[in-house]
Protein backbone atom coordinates (compact mmCIF):
# COMPACT_ATOMS: atom_id res chain seq x y z
CA MET A 1 154.99 107.48 180.53
CA GLY A 2 156.32 110.43 178.33
CA ARG A 3 158.83 107.99 176.75
CA GLN A 4 157.78 106.95 173.34
CA ARG A 5 158.03 103.20 172.03
CA THR A 6 160.43 102.82 169.19
CA GLY A 7 159.32 99.26 168.23
CA ILE A 8 161.92 97.57 169.51
CA LEU A 9 161.64 94.61 172.00
CA SER A 10 164.10 92.52 173.23
CA GLY A 11 166.55 94.12 170.82
CA GLN A 12 164.33 92.63 168.35
CA MET A 13 162.90 95.48 165.18
CA PHE A 14 159.48 94.97 163.84
CA ARG A 15 159.58 96.36 160.90
CA PRO A 16 157.52 95.11 157.35
CA ASP A 17 160.84 93.41 156.27
CA ALA A 18 161.49 91.72 159.43
CA ILE A 19 158.33 89.48 158.55
CA ARG A 20 160.09 86.21 157.40
CA GLY A 21 159.58 85.33 153.77
CA LEU A 22 158.29 89.38 152.69
CA ALA A 23 160.44 90.95 150.61
CA VAL A 24 159.60 95.09 150.85
CA SER A 25 161.25 97.25 147.90
CA GLN A 26 159.63 100.41 148.20
CA PRO A 27 156.83 102.63 149.84
CA GLY A 28 153.72 101.88 148.03
CA THR A 29 153.94 98.25 147.23
CA VAL A 30 150.53 96.64 147.57
CA ASP A 31 150.66 93.07 147.73
CA TYR A 32 147.73 90.65 146.39
CA ARG A 33 148.78 87.46 148.49
CA LEU A 34 146.09 87.28 150.65
CA ALA A 35 143.08 87.94 147.91
CA ARG A 36 145.38 84.98 146.18
CA GLN A 37 145.01 82.37 148.92
CA ALA A 38 141.33 83.22 148.89
CA LEU A 39 140.31 82.70 145.70
CA VAL A 40 142.73 78.99 145.25
CA SER A 41 141.05 78.11 148.07
CA GLU A 42 137.48 78.91 147.18
CA PHE A 43 138.59 76.88 143.74
CA ARG A 44 139.65 74.01 146.03
CA LYS A 45 136.51 74.01 147.87
CA LYS A 46 134.78 73.56 144.73
CA ARG A 47 132.99 77.11 145.33
CA LEU A 48 134.56 78.65 141.99
CA ALA A 49 134.28 76.60 138.54
CA GLN A 50 137.83 76.61 136.26
CA HIS A 51 135.90 79.00 133.68
CA GLU A 52 135.43 81.55 136.29
CA VAL A 53 139.24 81.68 137.11
CA CYS A 54 141.20 81.07 134.27
CA ASP A 55 139.74 84.34 132.33
CA ALA A 56 142.50 85.48 130.85
CA HIS A 57 142.42 87.73 128.21
CA PRO A 58 143.64 86.40 125.40
CA GLU A 59 146.18 89.30 124.94
CA LEU A 60 147.77 88.79 128.30
CA VAL A 61 148.04 85.09 127.56
CA ARG A 62 150.03 85.95 124.61
CA ALA A 63 152.65 88.21 126.86
CA ALA A 64 152.83 85.82 129.10
CA ARG A 65 154.18 83.31 126.19
CA GLN A 66 155.97 86.12 124.79
CA CYS A 67 157.58 88.19 127.18
CA GLY A 68 156.66 87.13 130.63
CA GLU A 69 159.33 86.47 133.27
CA PRO A 70 159.12 82.72 134.00
CA THR A 71 159.12 81.34 137.87
CA SER A 72 159.52 78.15 139.74
CA ILE A 73 155.65 78.97 141.12
CA GLU A 74 153.03 75.88 139.63
CA CYS A 75 150.03 77.07 138.30
CA PRO A 76 147.55 76.58 141.61
CA ILE A 77 144.62 75.66 139.40
CA CYS A 78 145.78 73.27 136.84
CA GLU A 79 148.92 72.06 138.30
CA ALA A 80 150.21 71.44 134.76
CA ALA A 81 152.67 74.55 133.97
CA ASN A 82 154.56 76.86 136.27
CA VAL A 83 153.14 80.63 136.28
CA VAL A 84 154.63 83.94 134.27
CA LEU A 85 154.54 87.13 135.52
CA VAL A 86 153.78 90.23 133.63
CA SER A 87 154.11 93.82 134.15
CA TYR A 88 152.70 96.52 132.73
CA VAL A 89 153.27 99.97 133.67
CA PHE A 90 150.29 103.05 133.68
CA GLY A 91 150.93 106.71 133.44
CA PRO A 92 151.17 109.88 131.65
CA ARG A 93 152.44 109.80 127.80
CA LEU A 94 151.96 105.70 127.87
CA PRO A 95 149.77 103.80 125.95
CA ALA A 96 146.04 103.60 127.26
CA PHE A 97 146.50 100.21 127.72
CA GLY A 98 149.90 100.52 129.59
CA ARG A 99 152.79 99.54 128.33
CA CYS A 100 153.68 95.49 128.91
CA ILE A 101 157.82 95.34 130.24
CA THR A 102 160.03 93.23 128.44
CA SER A 103 163.02 93.38 130.79
CA LYS A 104 164.61 94.77 134.17
CA ASP A 105 166.05 97.69 131.58
CA GLU A 106 163.05 98.30 130.22
CA LEU A 107 161.47 99.08 134.09
CA ALA A 108 164.71 100.71 135.16
CA LYS A 109 164.73 103.61 132.35
CA LEU A 110 160.80 104.15 132.84
CA SER A 111 161.93 104.68 136.75
CA ARG A 112 164.35 107.14 135.67
CA ARG A 113 161.18 109.19 134.02
CA SER A 114 159.96 112.27 135.99
CA ASP A 115 156.09 110.85 135.51
CA GLN A 116 154.34 109.16 138.54
CA LEU A 117 153.61 106.16 137.03
CA ALA A 118 152.15 102.80 138.30
CA CYS A 119 153.40 98.83 137.72
CA TYR A 120 151.26 96.31 138.18
CA VAL A 121 152.74 92.85 138.23
CA VAL A 122 150.31 89.49 137.26
CA GLU A 123 150.52 86.06 137.33
CA VAL A 124 149.55 84.65 134.30
CA CYS A 125 149.44 80.60 133.51
CA PRO A 126 149.89 80.15 130.00
CA GLU A 127 148.29 76.52 129.93
CA CYS A 128 144.80 77.41 131.29
CA SER A 129 144.50 81.08 131.64
CA TRP A 130 144.64 81.35 134.97
CA ASN A 131 145.61 85.06 135.65
CA HIS A 132 145.90 87.25 139.39
CA LEU A 133 147.00 90.25 140.06
CA ALA A 134 150.48 89.76 142.12
CA ARG A 135 151.50 93.07 143.12
CA ALA A 136 151.21 96.93 142.28
CA PHE A 137 153.79 99.36 142.78
CA PRO A 138 154.76 103.39 141.92
CA VAL A 139 157.20 103.73 139.59
CA GLY A 140 159.26 106.91 138.44
CA ARG A 141 160.33 110.02 140.19
CA GLY A 142 157.09 111.38 140.66
CA ARG A 143 156.35 108.61 142.91
CA ARG A 144 154.88 109.61 146.51
CA SER A 145 157.51 108.79 149.32
């Protein structure tokens, strides 16, 4: 009774990264897949119109077309194109509107800074302007562990 359980059952350890299909890269990461599924479900049930969900700001669509990271994920709304990932970093000594990340090297450089920064990754369809926050995570050496 005084013995604490360690999360091991029959030789299997239960950790967030043990869940099938989940890749936890670091502490503090917030994944918005459930919110995405709920929104897409409401659209498919005709409770939301396309103009209500395809409302990306023109600058976000431009960033998706010019410097976004292509994916193999089909847009769940128009099904005509694959979504593109656009990443923005916010924090001290960065523009108020954030900094659009154009390469993994640029993100790695920012992660070496001593400031506490936050990175937001947005899925964007360049065809229909659908967008959804995919995940957010801390960046920089000032991040809380």
